[in-house]
PDB file of N, CA and C in Angstrom:
ATOM      1  N   MET A   1       1.821  -1.972  18.897  1.00  0.00           N
ATOM      2  CA  MET A   1       0.852  -0.962  19.278  1.00  0.00           C
ATOM      3  C   MET A   1       1.539   0.414  19.188  1.00  0.00           C
ATOM      4  N   PRO A   2       0.920   1.349  18.499  1.00  0.00           N
ATOM      5  CA  PRO A   2       1.572   2.649  18.293  1.00  0.00           C
ATOM      6  C   PRO A   2       1.268   3.689  19.381  1.00  0.00           C
ATOM      7  N   TYR A   3       0.667   3.277  20.486  1.00  0.00           N
ATOM      8  CA  TYR A   3       0.405   4.201  21.599  1.00  0.00           C
ATOM      9  C   TYR A   3      -0.513   5.361  21.192  1.00  0.00           C
ATOM     10  N   ASP A   4      -1.438   5.095  20.279  1.00  0.00           N
ATOM     11  CA  ASP A   4      -2.361   6.132  19.833  1.00  0.00           C
ATOM     12  C   ASP A   4      -3.310   6.583  20.940  1.00  0.00           C
ATOM     13  N   TYR A   5      -3.418   5.821  21.995  1.00  0.00           N
ATOM     14  CA  TYR A   5      -4.287   6.128  23.129  1.00  0.00           C
ATOM     15  C   TYR A   5      -3.579   6.931  24.230  1.00  0.00           C
ATOM     16  N   ASP A   6      -2.276   7.017  24.169  1.00  0.00           N
ATOM     17  CA  ASP A   6      -1.472   7.634  25.223  1.00  0.00           C
ATOM     18  C   ASP A   6      -1.335   9.139  24.975  1.00  0.00           C
ATOM     19  N   LYS A   7      -1.947   9.932  25.847  1.00  0.00           N
ATOM     20  CA  LYS A   7      -1.938  11.390  25.660  1.00  0.00           C
ATOM     21  C   LYS A   7      -0.545  11.999  25.809  1.00  0.00           C
ATOM     22  N   SER A   8       0.376  11.291  26.426  1.00  0.00           N
ATOM     23  CA  SER A   8       1.730  11.816  26.573  1.00  0.00           C
ATOM     24  C   SER A   8       2.567  11.559  25.319  1.00  0.00           C
ATOM     25  N   PHE A   9       2.027  10.795  24.389  1.00  0.00           N
ATOM     26  CA  PHE A   9       2.701  10.443  23.145  1.00  0.00           C
ATOM     27  C   PHE A   9       2.141  11.327  22.042  1.00  0.00           C
ATOM     28  N   HIS A  10       2.977  12.164  21.431  1.00  0.00           N
ATOM     29  CA  HIS A  10       2.521  13.042  20.350  1.00  0.00           C
ATOM     30  C   HIS A  10       2.139  12.184  19.144  1.00  0.00           C
ATOM     31  N   TRP A  11       1.156  12.620  18.370  1.00  0.00           N
ATOM     32  CA  TRP A  11       0.681  11.815  17.242  1.00  0.00           C
ATOM     33  C   TRP A  11       1.789  11.513  16.232  1.00  0.00           C
ATOM     34  N   GLU A  12       2.749  12.430  16.068  1.00  0.00           N
ATOM     35  CA  GLU A  12       3.847  12.175  15.126  1.00  0.00           C
ATOM     36  C   GLU A  12       4.734  11.026  15.608  1.00  0.00           C
ATOM     37  N   GLU A  13       4.921  10.921  16.912  1.00  0.00           N
ATOM     38  CA  GLU A  13       5.684   9.808  17.474  1.00  0.00           C
ATOM     39  C   GLU A  13       4.918   8.506  17.299  1.00  0.00           C
ATOM     40  N   SER A  14       3.616   8.568  17.474  1.00  0.00           N
ATOM     41  CA  SER A  14       2.784   7.390  17.279  1.00  0.00           C
ATOM     42  C   SER A  14       2.881   6.897  15.837  1.00  0.00           C
ATOM     43  N   LEU A  15       2.833   7.814  14.885  1.00  0.00           N
ATOM     44  CA  LEU A  15       2.981   7.458  13.473  1.00  0.00           C
ATOM     45  C   LEU A  15       4.353   6.850  13.213  1.00  0.00           C
ATOM     46  N   LYS A  16       5.385   7.415  13.801  1.00  0.00           N
ATOM     47  CA  LYS A  16       6.743   6.898  13.617  1.00  0.00           C
ATOM     48  C   LYS A  16       6.861   5.465  14.148  1.00  0.00           C
ATOM     49  N   VAL A  17       6.293   5.202  15.308  1.00  0.00           N
ATOM     50  CA  VAL A  17       6.311   3.850  15.879  1.00  0.00           C
ATOM     51  C   VAL A  17       5.607   2.887  14.926  1.00  0.00           C
ATOM     52  N   LEU A  18       4.457   3.286  14.433  1.00  0.00           N
ATOM     53  CA  LEU A  18       3.698   2.430  13.528  1.00  0.00           C
ATOM     54  C   LEU A  18       4.478   2.139  12.251  1.00  0.00           C
ATOM     55  N   MET A  19       5.081   3.153  11.659  1.00  0.00           N
ATOM     56  CA  MET A  19       5.850   2.968  10.429  1.00  0.00           C
ATOM     57  C   MET A  19       7.078   2.098  10.666  1.00  0.00           C
ATOM     58  N   ASN A  20       7.714   2.213  11.815  1.00  0.00           N
ATOM     59  CA  ASN A  20       8.906   1.418  12.113  1.00  0.00           C
ATOM     60  C   ASN A  20       8.589  -0.044  12.418  1.00  0.00           C
ATOM     61  N   ARG A  21       7.373  -0.305  12.872  1.00  0.00           N
ATOM     62  CA  ARG A  21       7.030  -1.667  13.296  1.00  0.00           C
ATOM     63  C   ARG A  21       6.235  -2.459  12.261  1.00  0.00           C
ATOM     64  N   ILE A  22       5.757  -1.824  11.218  1.00  0.00           N
ATOM     65  CA  ILE A  22       4.965  -2.555  10.230  1.00  0.00           C
ATOM     66  C   ILE A  22       5.840  -3.595   9.533  1.00  0.00           C
ATOM     67  N   ARG A  23       5.284  -4.773   9.339  1.00  0.00           N
ATOM     68  CA  ARG A  23       5.958  -5.887   8.682  1.00  0.00           C
ATOM     69  C   ARG A  23       4.933  -6.590   7.786  1.00  0.00           C
ATOM     70  N   PRO A  24       5.389  -7.340   6.790  1.00  0.00           N
ATOM     71  CA  PRO A  24       4.436  -8.121   5.999  1.00  0.00           C
ATOM     72  C   PRO A  24       3.584  -9.015   6.898  1.00  0.00           C
ATOM     73  N   GLY A  25       2.298  -8.971   6.691  1.00  0.00           N
ATOM     74  CA  GLY A  25       1.373  -9.758   7.502  1.00  0.00           C
ATOM     75  C   GLY A  25       0.922  -9.081   8.780  1.00  0.00           C
ATOM     76  N   SER A  26       1.378  -7.863   9.023  1.00  0.00           N
ATOM     77  CA  SER A  26       0.994  -7.153  10.244  1.00  0.00           C
ATOM     78  C   SER A  26      -0.513  -6.945  10.318  1.00  0.00           C
ATOM     79  N   VAL A  27      -1.026  -7.047  11.520  1.00  0.00           N
ATOM     80  CA  VAL A  27      -2.406  -6.680  11.798  1.00  0.00           C
ATOM     81  C   VAL A  27      -2.328  -5.362  12.562  1.00  0.00           C
ATOM     82  N   ILE A  28      -2.910  -4.318  11.998  1.00  0.00           N
ATOM     83  CA  ILE A  28      -2.844  -2.985  12.602  1.00  0.00           C
ATOM     84  C   ILE A  28      -4.077  -2.774  13.462  1.00  0.00           C
ATOM     85  N   ALA A  29      -3.869  -2.488  14.727  1.00  0.00           N
ATOM     86  CA  ALA A  29      -4.973  -2.226  15.652  1.00  0.00           C
ATOM     87  C   ALA A  29      -4.826  -0.809  16.197  1.00  0.00           C
ATOM     88  N   LEU A  30      -5.817   0.025  15.930  1.00  0.00           N
ATOM     89  CA  LEU A  30      -5.841   1.393  16.442  1.00  0.00           C
ATOM     90  C   LEU A  30      -7.113   1.592  17.246  1.00  0.00           C
ATOM     91  N   HIS A  31      -7.085   2.525  18.156  1.00  0.00           N
ATOM     92  CA  HIS A  31      -8.243   2.800  18.995  1.00  0.00           C
ATOM     93  C   HIS A  31      -9.166   3.817  18.325  1.00  0.00           C
ATOM     94  N   ASP A  32     -10.453   3.726  18.627  1.00  0.00           N
ATOM     95  CA  ASP A  32     -11.416   4.689  18.089  1.00  0.00           C
ATOM     96  C   ASP A  32     -12.028   5.558  19.188  1.00  0.00           C
ATOM     97  N   SER A  33     -11.385   5.567  20.342  1.00  0.00           N
ATOM     98  CA  SER A  33     -11.890   6.381  21.451  1.00  0.00           C
ATOM     99  C   SER A  33     -11.576   7.861  21.205  1.00  0.00           C
ATOM    100  N   PRO A  34     -12.284   8.750  21.856  1.00  0.00           N
ATOM    101  CA  PRO A  34     -12.001  10.183  21.693  1.00  0.00           C
ATOM    102  C   PRO A  34     -10.575  10.569  22.085  1.00  0.00           C
ATOM    103  N   ASP A  35      -9.936   9.783  22.929  1.00  0.00           N
ATOM    104  CA  ASP A  35      -8.565  10.082  23.358  1.00  0.00           C
ATOM    105  C   ASP A  35      -7.514   9.632  22.355  1.00  0.00           C
ATOM    106  N   SER A  36      -7.891   8.834  21.387  1.00  0.00           N
ATOM    107  CA  SER A  36      -6.937   8.306  20.422  1.00  0.00           C
ATOM    108  C   SER A  36      -6.490   9.383  19.447  1.00  0.00           C
ATOM    109  N   SER A  37      -5.217   9.329  19.087  1.00  0.00           N
ATOM    110  CA  SER A  37      -4.679  10.278  18.110  1.00  0.00           C
ATOM    111  C   SER A  37      -4.660   9.691  16.702  1.00  0.00           C
ATOM    112  N   SER A  38      -5.125   8.465  16.527  1.00  0.00           N
ATOM    113  CA  SER A  38      -5.007   7.792  15.237  1.00  0.00           C
ATOM    114  C   SER A  38      -5.706   8.537  14.100  1.00  0.00           C
ATOM    115  N   HIS A  39      -6.763   9.251  14.408  1.00  0.00           N
ATOM    116  CA  HIS A  39      -7.470   9.995  13.352  1.00  0.00           C
ATOM    117  C   HIS A  39      -6.612  11.118  12.770  1.00  0.00           C
ATOM    118  N   LEU A  40      -5.570  11.518  13.477  1.00  0.00           N
ATOM    119  CA  LEU A  40      -4.699  12.588  13.003  1.00  0.00           C
ATOM    120  C   LEU A  40      -3.683  12.106  11.975  1.00  0.00           C
ATOM    121  N   TYR A  41      -3.395  10.813  11.940  1.00  0.00           N
ATOM    122  CA  TYR A  41      -2.347  10.329  11.048  1.00  0.00           C
ATOM    123  C   TYR A  41      -2.734   9.115  10.221  1.00  0.00           C
ATOM    124  N   LEU A  42      -3.935   8.615  10.338  1.00  0.00           N
ATOM    125  CA  LEU A  42      -4.310   7.394   9.633  1.00  0.00           C
ATOM    126  C   LEU A  42      -4.155   7.529   8.121  1.00  0.00           C
ATOM    127  N   ASP A  43      -4.615   8.635   7.561  1.00  0.00           N
ATOM    128  CA  ASP A  43      -4.465   8.843   6.115  1.00  0.00           C
ATOM    129  C   ASP A  43      -2.988   8.857   5.708  1.00  0.00           C
ATOM    130  N   MET A  44      -2.167   9.545   6.478  1.00  0.00           N
ATOM    131  CA  MET A  44      -0.729   9.601   6.176  1.00  0.00           C
ATOM    132  C   MET A  44      -0.104   8.209   6.258  1.00  0.00           C
ATOM    133  N   PHE A  45      -0.496   7.445   7.268  1.00  0.00           N
ATOM    134  CA  PHE A  45       0.033   6.099   7.420  1.00  0.00           C
ATOM    135  C   PHE A  45      -0.306   5.234   6.210  1.00  0.00           C
ATOM    136  N   ILE A  46      -1.552   5.272   5.779  1.00  0.00           N
ATOM    137  CA  ILE A  46      -1.979   4.456   4.647  1.00  0.00           C
ATOM    138  C   ILE A  46      -1.208   4.837   3.383  1.00  0.00           C
ATOM    139  N   VAL A  47      -1.076   6.123   3.117  1.00  0.00           N
ATOM    140  CA  VAL A  47      -0.344   6.588   1.930  1.00  0.00           C
ATOM    141  C   VAL A  47       1.109   6.124   1.978  1.00  0.00           C
ATOM    142  N   GLU A  48       1.776   6.320   3.114  1.00  0.00           N
ATOM    143  CA  GLU A  48       3.187   5.941   3.232  1.00  0.00           C
ATOM    144  C   GLU A  48       3.375   4.429   3.152  1.00  0.00           C
ATOM    145  N   ALA A  49       2.483   3.688   3.786  1.00  0.00           N
ATOM    146  CA  ALA A  49       2.590   2.230   3.748  1.00  0.00           C
ATOM    147  C   ALA A  49       2.413   1.721   2.319  1.00  0.00           C
ATOM    148  N   LYS A  50       1.472   2.280   1.587  1.00  0.00           N
ATOM    149  CA  LYS A  50       1.272   1.879   0.187  1.00  0.00           C
ATOM    150  C   LYS A  50       2.487   2.228  -0.661  1.00  0.00           C
ATOM    151  N   LYS A  51       3.117   3.378  -0.392  1.00  0.00           N
ATOM    152  CA  LYS A  51       4.339   3.752  -1.111  1.00  0.00           C
ATOM    153  C   LYS A  51       5.444   2.718  -0.881  1.00  0.00           C
ATOM    154  N   ASN A  52       5.422   2.091   0.279  1.00  0.00           N
ATOM    155  CA  ASN A  52       6.428   1.090   0.631  1.00  0.00           C
ATOM    156  C   ASN A  52       6.007  -0.322   0.228  1.00  0.00           C
ATOM    157  N   GLY A  53       4.942  -0.439  -0.567  1.00  0.00           N
ATOM    158  CA  GLY A  53       4.551  -1.734  -1.094  1.00  0.00           C
ATOM    159  C   GLY A  53       3.514  -2.506  -0.295  1.00  0.00           C
ATOM    160  N   TYR A  54       3.016  -1.949   0.766  1.00  0.00           N
ATOM    161  CA  TYR A  54       2.010  -2.636   1.559  1.00  0.00           C
ATOM    162  C   TYR A  54       0.627  -2.425   0.960  1.00  0.00           C
ATOM    163  N   SER A  55      -0.266  -3.367   1.235  1.00  0.00           N
ATOM    164  CA  SER A  55      -1.647  -3.228   0.820  1.00  0.00           C
ATOM    165  C   SER A  55      -2.534  -3.505   2.037  1.00  0.00           C
ATOM    166  N   PHE A  56      -3.785  -3.164   1.917  1.00  0.00           N
ATOM    167  CA  PHE A  56      -4.718  -3.309   3.030  1.00  0.00           C
ATOM    168  C   PHE A  56      -5.901  -4.151   2.585  1.00  0.00           C
ATOM    169  N   VAL A  57      -6.228  -5.159   3.385  1.00  0.00           N
ATOM    170  CA  VAL A  57      -7.343  -6.040   3.078  1.00  0.00           C
ATOM    171  C   VAL A  57      -8.164  -6.257   4.349  1.00  0.00           C
ATOM    172  N   LEU A  58      -9.408  -6.622   4.137  1.00  0.00           N
ATOM    173  CA  LEU A  58     -10.266  -6.990   5.262  1.00  0.00           C
ATOM    174  C   LEU A  58     -10.052  -8.472   5.563  1.00  0.00           C
ATOM    175  N   PRO A  59      -9.935  -8.846   6.824  1.00  0.00           N
ATOM    176  CA  PRO A  59      -9.768 -10.260   7.144  1.00  0.00           C
ATOM    177  C   PRO A  59     -11.051 -11.023   6.815  1.00  0.00           C
ATOM    178  N   GLU A  60     -10.872 -12.253   6.393  1.00  0.00           N
ATOM    179  CA  GLU A  60     -12.038 -13.083   6.050  1.00  0.00           C
ATOM    180  C   GLU A  60     -12.498 -13.871   7.246  1.00  0.00           C
TER     181      GLU A  60
END
């Protein structure tokens, strides 16, 4: 969990946690509440993860 819901956690730190913890087969869960910071870095995360060879699929 990248702490995207924690207001004391800056969005850049949240992105760093997410990038450091991603592994093959990871299921990424982010919050969609108004307090979540995920909307600030989601695009950056996807671009960086793809650069590192990850892909994104919808679960069946």
